[in-house]
Amino acid sequence: MRDMGTEAPDFTLPDETGAEVALSALKGGPVVLYFYPRDDTPGCTTEALDFTALLPEFEAAGARVFGISKDTVAKHCKFREKRELAVSLLSDAESDVCERYGVWVEKNLYGKKSMGIQRATFLIDAGGRIARVWPKVKVAGHAAEVLDAVRAL
């Protein structure tokens, strides 16, 4: 897991429309990156809806919010439309960005080991440094907690 105070690893990933989003192009304002396991599953849907509900407040604070998973651009597009999401969803199909942020981990579910995304959120400051990290996120109340941290920057 990347540490607070370190430079956020740069990346360029496609969003749900296929447009490329480069982290380096977003310097100058805070950026929230929330990594989640899979589109349209209960916890991931709740998290996306919570960030969507608070998006106007994140924007008023000057922040950009992005969800990142290994789902394809097409799956992200379908998920956004189905759930009427406003947050941008980035496709890390090769899990390269997940690995660089330290959220691509071995999971153990009912004794079966597999690799997957550990739900985590990173708040990146205007200068491109990691200002706050939430590892092993519990979804309830999380988006509001991140918003409070953005406002405190």
N, C-alpha and C. Protein backbone atom coordinates (compact mmCIF):
# COMPACT_ATOMS: atom_id res chain seq x y z
N MET A 1 0.86 -1.18 0.00
CA MET A 1 0.00 0.00 0.00
C MET A 1 0.90 1.24 0.00
N ARG A 2 0.58 2.18 -0.86
CA ARG A 2 1.36 3.41 -0.94
C ARG A 2 1.19 4.22 0.34
N ASP A 3 2.25 4.91 0.75
CA ASP A 3 2.25 5.65 2.01
C ASP A 3 1.87 7.11 1.82
N MET A 4 1.31 7.69 2.89
CA MET A 4 1.00 9.11 2.89
C MET A 4 2.30 9.89 2.75
N GLY A 5 2.22 11.01 2.04
CA GLY A 5 3.38 11.87 1.86
C GLY A 5 4.23 11.52 0.66
N THR A 6 3.99 10.35 0.05
CA THR A 6 4.77 9.95 -1.12
C THR A 6 4.09 10.45 -2.40
N GLU A 7 4.86 10.52 -3.45
CA GLU A 7 4.33 10.92 -4.75
C GLU A 7 3.34 9.86 -5.22
N ALA A 8 2.17 10.28 -5.66
CA ALA A 8 1.17 9.34 -6.17
C ALA A 8 1.65 8.81 -7.53
N PRO A 9 1.67 7.49 -7.72
CA PRO A 9 2.08 6.95 -9.02
C PRO A 9 1.19 7.48 -10.15
N ASP A 10 1.83 8.03 -11.18
CA ASP A 10 1.07 8.55 -12.32
C ASP A 10 0.52 7.38 -13.13
N PHE A 11 -0.54 7.65 -13.86
CA PHE A 11 -1.13 6.63 -14.73
C PHE A 11 -1.99 7.32 -15.78
N THR A 12 -2.30 6.60 -16.82
CA THR A 12 -3.30 7.00 -17.80
C THR A 12 -4.19 5.79 -18.01
N LEU A 13 -5.49 5.96 -17.73
CA LEU A 13 -6.46 4.88 -17.87
C LEU A 13 -7.69 5.38 -18.61
N PRO A 14 -8.40 4.49 -19.31
CA PRO A 14 -9.64 4.91 -19.98
C PRO A 14 -10.80 4.96 -18.98
N ASP A 15 -11.67 5.96 -19.17
CA ASP A 15 -12.88 6.02 -18.35
C ASP A 15 -14.00 5.24 -19.03
N GLU A 16 -15.19 5.36 -18.50
CA GLU A 16 -16.33 4.57 -19.01
C GLU A 16 -16.71 4.93 -20.45
N THR A 17 -16.23 6.06 -20.95
CA THR A 17 -16.52 6.43 -22.34
C THR A 17 -15.37 6.06 -23.28
N GLY A 18 -14.25 5.60 -22.68
CA GLY A 18 -13.06 5.28 -23.46
C GLY A 18 -12.06 6.43 -23.51
N ALA A 19 -12.45 7.60 -22.96
CA ALA A 19 -11.54 8.75 -22.93
C ALA A 19 -10.41 8.48 -21.94
N GLU A 20 -9.20 8.90 -22.30
CA GLU A 20 -8.03 8.68 -21.44
C GLU A 20 -7.99 9.72 -20.33
N VAL A 21 -7.73 9.26 -19.11
CA VAL A 21 -7.58 10.14 -17.95
C VAL A 21 -6.16 9.93 -17.42
N ALA A 22 -5.38 11.02 -17.37
CA ALA A 22 -4.02 10.96 -16.85
C ALA A 22 -3.99 11.68 -15.51
N LEU A 23 -3.49 11.01 -14.48
CA LEU A 23 -3.42 11.63 -13.16
C LEU A 23 -2.58 12.91 -13.21
N SER A 24 -1.49 12.90 -13.95
CA SER A 24 -0.61 14.07 -14.03
C SER A 24 -1.33 15.30 -14.57
N ALA A 25 -2.36 15.10 -15.37
CA ALA A 25 -3.12 16.22 -15.93
C ALA A 25 -4.09 16.83 -14.92
N LEU A 26 -4.25 16.18 -13.77
CA LEU A 26 -5.22 16.64 -12.77
C LEU A 26 -4.58 17.42 -11.63
N LYS A 27 -3.25 17.64 -11.72
CA LYS A 27 -2.58 18.40 -10.67
C LYS A 27 -3.19 19.80 -10.58
N GLY A 28 -3.14 20.36 -9.38
CA GLY A 28 -3.72 21.69 -9.17
C GLY A 28 -4.95 21.63 -8.29
N GLY A 29 -5.50 20.44 -8.10
CA GLY A 29 -6.64 20.25 -7.22
C GLY A 29 -6.59 18.86 -6.63
N PRO A 30 -7.34 18.62 -5.56
CA PRO A 30 -7.34 17.29 -4.97
C PRO A 30 -8.00 16.25 -5.88
N VAL A 31 -7.51 15.03 -5.77
CA VAL A 31 -8.06 13.90 -6.53
C VAL A 31 -8.33 12.75 -5.55
N VAL A 32 -9.52 12.18 -5.66
CA VAL A 32 -9.88 11.02 -4.86
C VAL A 32 -9.89 9.81 -5.79
N LEU A 33 -9.10 8.79 -5.43
CA LEU A 33 -9.11 7.52 -6.17
C LEU A 33 -9.63 6.46 -5.23
N TYR A 34 -10.80 5.90 -5.57
CA TYR A 34 -11.27 4.79 -4.74
C TYR A 34 -11.22 3.52 -5.58
N PHE A 35 -10.49 2.55 -5.07
CA PHE A 35 -10.32 1.25 -5.73
C PHE A 35 -11.38 0.30 -5.17
N TYR A 36 -12.04 -0.40 -6.06
CA TYR A 36 -13.11 -1.31 -5.63
C TYR A 36 -13.05 -2.60 -6.45
N PRO A 37 -13.54 -3.72 -5.88
CA PRO A 37 -13.38 -5.02 -6.55
C PRO A 37 -14.12 -5.21 -7.88
N ARG A 38 -15.43 -4.88 -7.94
CA ARG A 38 -16.15 -5.23 -9.16
C ARG A 38 -17.43 -4.42 -9.31
N ASP A 39 -17.72 -4.03 -10.55
CA ASP A 39 -18.95 -3.30 -10.86
C ASP A 39 -20.19 -4.11 -10.49
N ASP A 40 -21.20 -3.38 -10.04
CA ASP A 40 -22.55 -3.91 -9.85
C ASP A 40 -22.64 -5.05 -8.83
N THR A 41 -21.78 -5.02 -7.83
CA THR A 41 -21.90 -5.93 -6.69
C THR A 41 -22.37 -5.07 -5.51
N PRO A 42 -22.94 -5.67 -4.47
CA PRO A 42 -23.58 -4.85 -3.43
C PRO A 42 -22.71 -3.76 -2.81
N GLY A 43 -21.55 -4.10 -2.26
CA GLY A 43 -20.70 -3.09 -1.62
C GLY A 43 -20.19 -2.05 -2.60
N CYS A 44 -19.81 -2.51 -3.78
CA CYS A 44 -19.27 -1.60 -4.80
C CYS A 44 -20.34 -0.64 -5.31
N THR A 45 -21.56 -1.14 -5.43
CA THR A 45 -22.67 -0.29 -5.87
C THR A 45 -22.97 0.77 -4.81
N THR A 46 -23.04 0.35 -3.55
CA THR A 46 -23.30 1.30 -2.46
C THR A 46 -22.23 2.39 -2.43
N GLU A 47 -20.96 1.98 -2.55
CA GLU A 47 -19.86 2.94 -2.53
C GLU A 47 -19.98 3.94 -3.69
N ALA A 48 -20.27 3.44 -4.88
CA ALA A 48 -20.40 4.31 -6.05
C ALA A 48 -21.58 5.26 -5.90
N LEU A 49 -22.69 4.78 -5.36
CA LEU A 49 -23.87 5.63 -5.15
C LEU A 49 -23.57 6.70 -4.09
N ASP A 50 -22.82 6.33 -3.04
CA ASP A 50 -22.47 7.31 -2.00
C ASP A 50 -21.57 8.41 -2.55
N PHE A 51 -20.57 8.03 -3.35
CA PHE A 51 -19.70 9.04 -3.95
C PHE A 51 -20.49 9.90 -4.95
N THR A 52 -21.41 9.28 -5.69
CA THR A 52 -22.25 10.03 -6.63
C THR A 52 -23.11 11.06 -5.89
N ALA A 53 -23.71 10.64 -4.78
CA ALA A 53 -24.58 11.55 -4.02
C ALA A 53 -23.80 12.76 -3.51
N LEU A 54 -22.54 12.57 -3.16
CA LEU A 54 -21.73 13.66 -2.61
C LEU A 54 -20.88 14.37 -3.66
N LEU A 55 -20.97 13.93 -4.91
CA LEU A 55 -20.12 14.50 -5.96
C LEU A 55 -20.22 16.03 -6.06
N PRO A 56 -21.42 16.62 -6.00
CA PRO A 56 -21.47 18.09 -6.06
C PRO A 56 -20.66 18.76 -4.95
N GLU A 57 -20.63 18.14 -3.76
CA GLU A 57 -19.86 18.70 -2.66
C GLU A 57 -18.35 18.51 -2.87
N PHE A 58 -17.97 17.36 -3.43
CA PHE A 58 -16.55 17.16 -3.77
C PHE A 58 -16.13 18.21 -4.80
N GLU A 59 -16.96 18.41 -5.81
CA GLU A 59 -16.65 19.39 -6.87
C GLU A 59 -16.58 20.80 -6.30
N ALA A 60 -17.48 21.13 -5.38
CA ALA A 60 -17.46 22.46 -4.76
C ALA A 60 -16.16 22.67 -3.98
N ALA A 61 -15.59 21.58 -3.48
CA ALA A 61 -14.31 21.65 -2.76
C ALA A 61 -13.12 21.56 -3.72
N GLY A 62 -13.41 21.51 -5.03
CA GLY A 62 -12.35 21.49 -6.04
C GLY A 62 -11.79 20.12 -6.35
N ALA A 63 -12.41 19.06 -5.83
CA ALA A 63 -11.87 17.71 -5.99
C ALA A 63 -12.51 16.96 -7.15
N ARG A 64 -11.71 16.09 -7.75
CA ARG A 64 -12.18 15.14 -8.77
C ARG A 64 -12.23 13.77 -8.11
N VAL A 65 -13.23 12.96 -8.46
CA VAL A 65 -13.41 11.63 -7.86
C VAL A 65 -13.44 10.58 -8.96
N PHE A 66 -12.65 9.52 -8.78
CA PHE A 66 -12.59 8.42 -9.74
C PHE A 66 -12.65 7.08 -9.02
N GLY A 67 -13.49 6.19 -9.52
CA GLY A 67 -13.49 4.81 -9.06
C GLY A 67 -12.62 4.00 -10.01
N ILE A 68 -11.84 3.05 -9.49
CA ILE A 68 -10.96 2.24 -10.32
C ILE A 68 -11.16 0.77 -9.99
N SER A 69 -11.39 -0.03 -11.04
CA SER A 69 -11.44 -1.48 -10.89
C SER A 69 -10.88 -2.11 -12.17
N LYS A 70 -10.83 -3.44 -12.18
CA LYS A 70 -10.34 -4.15 -13.37
C LYS A 70 -11.43 -4.32 -14.43
N ASP A 71 -12.65 -3.89 -14.13
CA ASP A 71 -13.73 -4.04 -15.11
C ASP A 71 -13.42 -3.29 -16.40
N THR A 72 -13.97 -3.78 -17.48
CA THR A 72 -13.73 -3.18 -18.80
C THR A 72 -14.47 -1.85 -18.94
N VAL A 73 -14.09 -1.08 -19.93
CA VAL A 73 -14.77 0.17 -20.25
C VAL A 73 -16.26 -0.10 -20.49
N ALA A 74 -16.58 -1.16 -21.24
CA ALA A 74 -17.98 -1.48 -21.53
C ALA A 74 -18.76 -1.80 -20.26
N LYS A 75 -18.15 -2.55 -19.33
CA LYS A 75 -18.83 -2.87 -18.06
C LYS A 75 -19.04 -1.61 -17.24
N HIS A 76 -18.03 -0.73 -17.22
CA HIS A 76 -18.17 0.53 -16.49
C HIS A 76 -19.32 1.35 -17.07
N CYS A 77 -19.40 1.42 -18.37
CA CYS A 77 -20.45 2.19 -19.04
C CYS A 77 -21.83 1.65 -18.65
N LYS A 78 -21.97 0.34 -18.70
CA LYS A 78 -23.24 -0.31 -18.35
C LYS A 78 -23.59 -0.06 -16.88
N PHE A 79 -22.61 -0.18 -15.99
CA PHE A 79 -22.80 0.04 -14.56
C PHE A 79 -23.25 1.48 -14.29
N ARG A 80 -22.58 2.44 -14.92
CA ARG A 80 -22.94 3.86 -14.73
C ARG A 80 -24.36 4.13 -15.18
N GLU A 81 -24.71 3.59 -16.34
CA GLU A 81 -26.07 3.82 -16.86
C GLU A 81 -27.12 3.16 -15.97
N LYS A 82 -26.90 1.91 -15.61
CA LYS A 82 -27.86 1.16 -14.80
C LYS A 82 -28.12 1.83 -13.46
N ARG A 83 -27.05 2.30 -12.81
CA ARG A 83 -27.16 2.87 -11.46
C ARG A 83 -27.21 4.40 -11.45
N GLU A 84 -27.21 5.01 -12.65
CA GLU A 84 -27.25 6.47 -12.79
C GLU A 84 -26.14 7.14 -11.97
N LEU A 85 -24.94 6.63 -12.15
CA LEU A 85 -23.78 7.14 -11.43
C LEU A 85 -23.23 8.39 -12.10
N ALA A 86 -22.70 9.30 -11.30
CA ALA A 86 -22.08 10.51 -11.83
C ALA A 86 -20.55 10.46 -11.75
N VAL A 87 -20.02 9.59 -10.88
CA VAL A 87 -18.56 9.51 -10.75
C VAL A 87 -17.98 8.81 -11.98
N SER A 88 -16.77 9.23 -12.35
CA SER A 88 -16.07 8.58 -13.45
C SER A 88 -15.47 7.27 -12.97
N LEU A 89 -15.55 6.25 -13.81
CA LEU A 89 -15.01 4.94 -13.49
C LEU A 89 -13.88 4.63 -14.46
N LEU A 90 -12.71 4.31 -13.93
CA LEU A 90 -11.54 4.03 -14.75
C LEU A 90 -11.28 2.54 -14.81
N SER A 91 -10.91 2.07 -16.00
CA SER A 91 -10.67 0.65 -16.23
C SER A 91 -9.17 0.34 -16.15
N ASP A 92 -8.80 -0.45 -15.14
CA ASP A 92 -7.42 -0.91 -14.98
C ASP A 92 -7.41 -2.41 -15.29
N ALA A 93 -7.76 -2.75 -16.51
CA ALA A 93 -7.95 -4.14 -16.93
C ALA A 93 -6.73 -5.02 -16.68
N GLU A 94 -5.54 -4.44 -16.77
CA GLU A 94 -4.30 -5.22 -16.58
C GLU A 94 -3.83 -5.19 -15.12
N SER A 95 -4.55 -4.49 -14.27
CA SER A 95 -4.25 -4.31 -12.83
C SER A 95 -2.90 -3.65 -12.55
N ASP A 96 -2.35 -2.96 -13.55
CA ASP A 96 -1.05 -2.29 -13.38
C ASP A 96 -1.13 -1.19 -12.32
N VAL A 97 -2.16 -0.35 -12.40
CA VAL A 97 -2.31 0.75 -11.45
C VAL A 97 -2.63 0.19 -10.06
N CYS A 98 -3.47 -0.83 -10.00
CA CYS A 98 -3.79 -1.48 -8.72
C CYS A 98 -2.51 -1.99 -8.05
N GLU A 99 -1.63 -2.58 -8.84
CA GLU A 99 -0.37 -3.09 -8.30
C GLU A 99 0.50 -1.95 -7.79
N ARG A 100 0.59 -0.85 -8.56
CA ARG A 100 1.45 0.26 -8.16
C ARG A 100 0.94 0.97 -6.90
N TYR A 101 -0.36 0.92 -6.68
CA TYR A 101 -0.92 1.51 -5.46
C TYR A 101 -0.99 0.51 -4.30
N GLY A 102 -0.64 -0.75 -4.58
CA GLY A 102 -0.59 -1.76 -3.53
C GLY A 102 -1.93 -2.34 -3.11
N VAL A 103 -2.93 -2.23 -3.99
CA VAL A 103 -4.26 -2.75 -3.64
C VAL A 103 -4.58 -4.08 -4.34
N TRP A 104 -3.67 -4.56 -5.19
CA TRP A 104 -3.84 -5.87 -5.85
C TRP A 104 -3.21 -6.89 -4.91
N VAL A 105 -4.03 -7.61 -4.19
CA VAL A 105 -3.56 -8.46 -3.10
C VAL A 105 -4.14 -9.87 -3.18
N GLU A 106 -3.50 -10.78 -2.42
CA GLU A 106 -4.05 -12.12 -2.31
C GLU A 106 -5.20 -12.08 -1.31
N LYS A 107 -6.33 -12.65 -1.72
CA LYS A 107 -7.51 -12.72 -0.87
C LYS A 107 -7.79 -14.17 -0.53
N ASN A 108 -8.43 -14.37 0.60
CA ASN A 108 -8.77 -15.71 1.04
C ASN A 108 -10.27 -15.74 1.35
N LEU A 109 -11.04 -16.40 0.49
CA LEU A 109 -12.49 -16.47 0.67
C LEU A 109 -12.89 -17.93 0.83
N TYR A 110 -13.36 -18.25 2.00
CA TYR A 110 -13.78 -19.63 2.32
C TYR A 110 -12.67 -20.63 2.02
N GLY A 111 -11.43 -20.25 2.39
CA GLY A 111 -10.29 -21.13 2.21
C GLY A 111 -9.70 -21.16 0.81
N LYS A 112 -10.33 -20.44 -0.12
CA LYS A 112 -9.83 -20.38 -1.50
C LYS A 112 -9.05 -19.08 -1.69
N LYS A 113 -7.79 -19.20 -2.10
CA LYS A 113 -6.95 -18.03 -2.31
C LYS A 113 -7.05 -17.57 -3.77
N SER A 114 -7.13 -16.25 -3.93
CA SER A 114 -7.15 -15.67 -5.27
C SER A 114 -6.64 -14.24 -5.17
N MET A 115 -6.29 -13.67 -6.29
CA MET A 115 -5.84 -12.28 -6.33
C MET A 115 -7.05 -11.38 -6.61
N GLY A 116 -7.06 -10.22 -5.97
CA GLY A 116 -8.16 -9.30 -6.18
C GLY A 116 -7.82 -7.93 -5.62
N ILE A 117 -8.75 -7.01 -5.82
CA ILE A 117 -8.57 -5.63 -5.36
C ILE A 117 -9.05 -5.51 -3.93
N GLN A 118 -8.16 -4.98 -3.07
CA GLN A 118 -8.55 -4.64 -1.71
C GLN A 118 -9.18 -3.25 -1.77
N ARG A 119 -10.40 -3.14 -1.30
CA ARG A 119 -11.10 -1.86 -1.33
C ARG A 119 -10.27 -0.83 -0.53
N ALA A 120 -9.85 0.24 -1.20
CA ALA A 120 -9.02 1.26 -0.56
C ALA A 120 -9.24 2.59 -1.28
N THR A 121 -8.98 3.68 -0.57
CA THR A 121 -9.14 5.01 -1.15
C THR A 121 -7.89 5.84 -0.86
N PHE A 122 -7.52 6.63 -1.87
CA PHE A 122 -6.36 7.52 -1.76
C PHE A 122 -6.82 8.95 -2.05
N LEU A 123 -6.43 9.87 -1.19
CA LEU A 123 -6.66 11.29 -1.43
C LEU A 123 -5.32 11.88 -1.84
N ILE A 124 -5.28 12.45 -3.03
CA ILE A 124 -4.05 13.02 -3.58
C ILE A 124 -4.20 14.54 -3.57
N ASP A 125 -3.18 15.21 -3.03
CA ASP A 125 -3.26 16.67 -2.92
C ASP A 125 -2.98 17.34 -4.26
N ALA A 126 -3.10 18.66 -4.28
CA ALA A 126 -2.94 19.43 -5.52
C ALA A 126 -1.56 19.27 -6.14
N GLY A 127 -0.56 18.93 -5.32
CA GLY A 127 0.80 18.76 -5.81
C GLY A 127 1.13 17.35 -6.27
N GLY A 128 0.15 16.44 -6.17
CA GLY A 128 0.37 15.07 -6.64
C GLY A 128 0.91 14.12 -5.58
N ARG A 129 0.84 14.53 -4.32
CA ARG A 129 1.30 13.65 -3.23
C ARG A 129 0.10 13.02 -2.53
N ILE A 130 0.32 11.83 -1.98
CA ILE A 130 -0.76 11.13 -1.28
C ILE A 130 -0.93 11.79 0.10
N ALA A 131 -2.10 12.41 0.29
CA ALA A 131 -2.38 13.14 1.52
C ALA A 131 -3.03 12.25 2.58
N ARG A 132 -3.76 11.23 2.12
CA ARG A 132 -4.47 10.34 3.06
C ARG A 132 -4.73 9.01 2.37
N VAL A 133 -4.69 7.93 3.16
CA VAL A 133 -4.96 6.59 2.66
C VAL A 133 -5.98 5.92 3.58
N TRP A 134 -6.98 5.31 2.98
CA TRP A 134 -7.94 4.49 3.72
C TRP A 134 -7.80 3.06 3.21
N PRO A 135 -7.06 2.21 3.95
CA PRO A 135 -6.94 0.81 3.53
C PRO A 135 -8.13 0.00 4.05
N LYS A 136 -8.45 -1.08 3.36
CA LYS A 136 -9.52 -2.00 3.81
C LYS A 136 -10.79 -1.24 4.19
N VAL A 137 -11.30 -0.46 3.26
CA VAL A 137 -12.45 0.41 3.47
C VAL A 137 -13.71 -0.37 3.85
N LYS A 138 -14.41 0.16 4.85
CA LYS A 138 -15.77 -0.26 5.16
C LYS A 138 -16.65 0.80 4.50
N VAL A 139 -17.60 0.38 3.68
CA VAL A 139 -18.34 1.30 2.82
C VAL A 139 -19.20 2.31 3.57
N ALA A 140 -19.90 1.88 4.61
CA ALA A 140 -20.85 2.76 5.31
C ALA A 140 -20.14 4.01 5.83
N GLY A 141 -20.60 5.18 5.38
CA GLY A 141 -20.06 6.46 5.83
C GLY A 141 -18.72 6.85 5.23
N HIS A 142 -18.16 6.00 4.37
CA HIS A 142 -16.82 6.25 3.86
C HIS A 142 -16.74 7.50 2.97
N ALA A 143 -17.66 7.66 2.04
CA ALA A 143 -17.61 8.81 1.12
C ALA A 143 -17.67 10.13 1.90
N ALA A 144 -18.48 10.18 2.94
CA ALA A 144 -18.58 11.40 3.76
C ALA A 144 -17.27 11.66 4.50
N GLU A 145 -16.62 10.61 4.99
CA GLU A 145 -15.33 10.76 5.67
C GLU A 145 -14.28 11.29 4.71
N VAL A 146 -14.28 10.80 3.46
CA VAL A 146 -13.33 11.27 2.45
C VAL A 146 -13.60 12.74 2.14
N LEU A 147 -14.88 13.11 2.03
CA LEU A 147 -15.24 14.50 1.76
C LEU A 147 -14.72 15.41 2.88
N ASP A 148 -14.85 14.99 4.13
CA ASP A 148 -14.33 15.78 5.25
C ASP A 148 -12.82 15.98 5.10
N ALA A 149 -12.11 14.93 4.68
CA ALA A 149 -10.65 15.02 4.51
C ALA A 149 -10.30 15.97 3.36
N VAL A 150 -11.08 15.95 2.29
CA VAL A 150 -10.86 16.88 1.16
C VAL A 150 -11.02 18.31 1.65
N ARG A 151 -12.06 18.56 2.40
CA ARG A 151 -12.31 19.91 2.89
C ARG A 151 -11.22 20.39 3.84
N ALA A 152 -10.55 19.45 4.53
CA ALA A 152 -9.51 19.80 5.50
C ALA A 152 -8.15 20.05 4.84
N LEU A 153 -8.02 19.75 3.53
CA LEU A 153 -6.73 19.95 2.84
C LEU A 153 -6.38 21.42 2.78
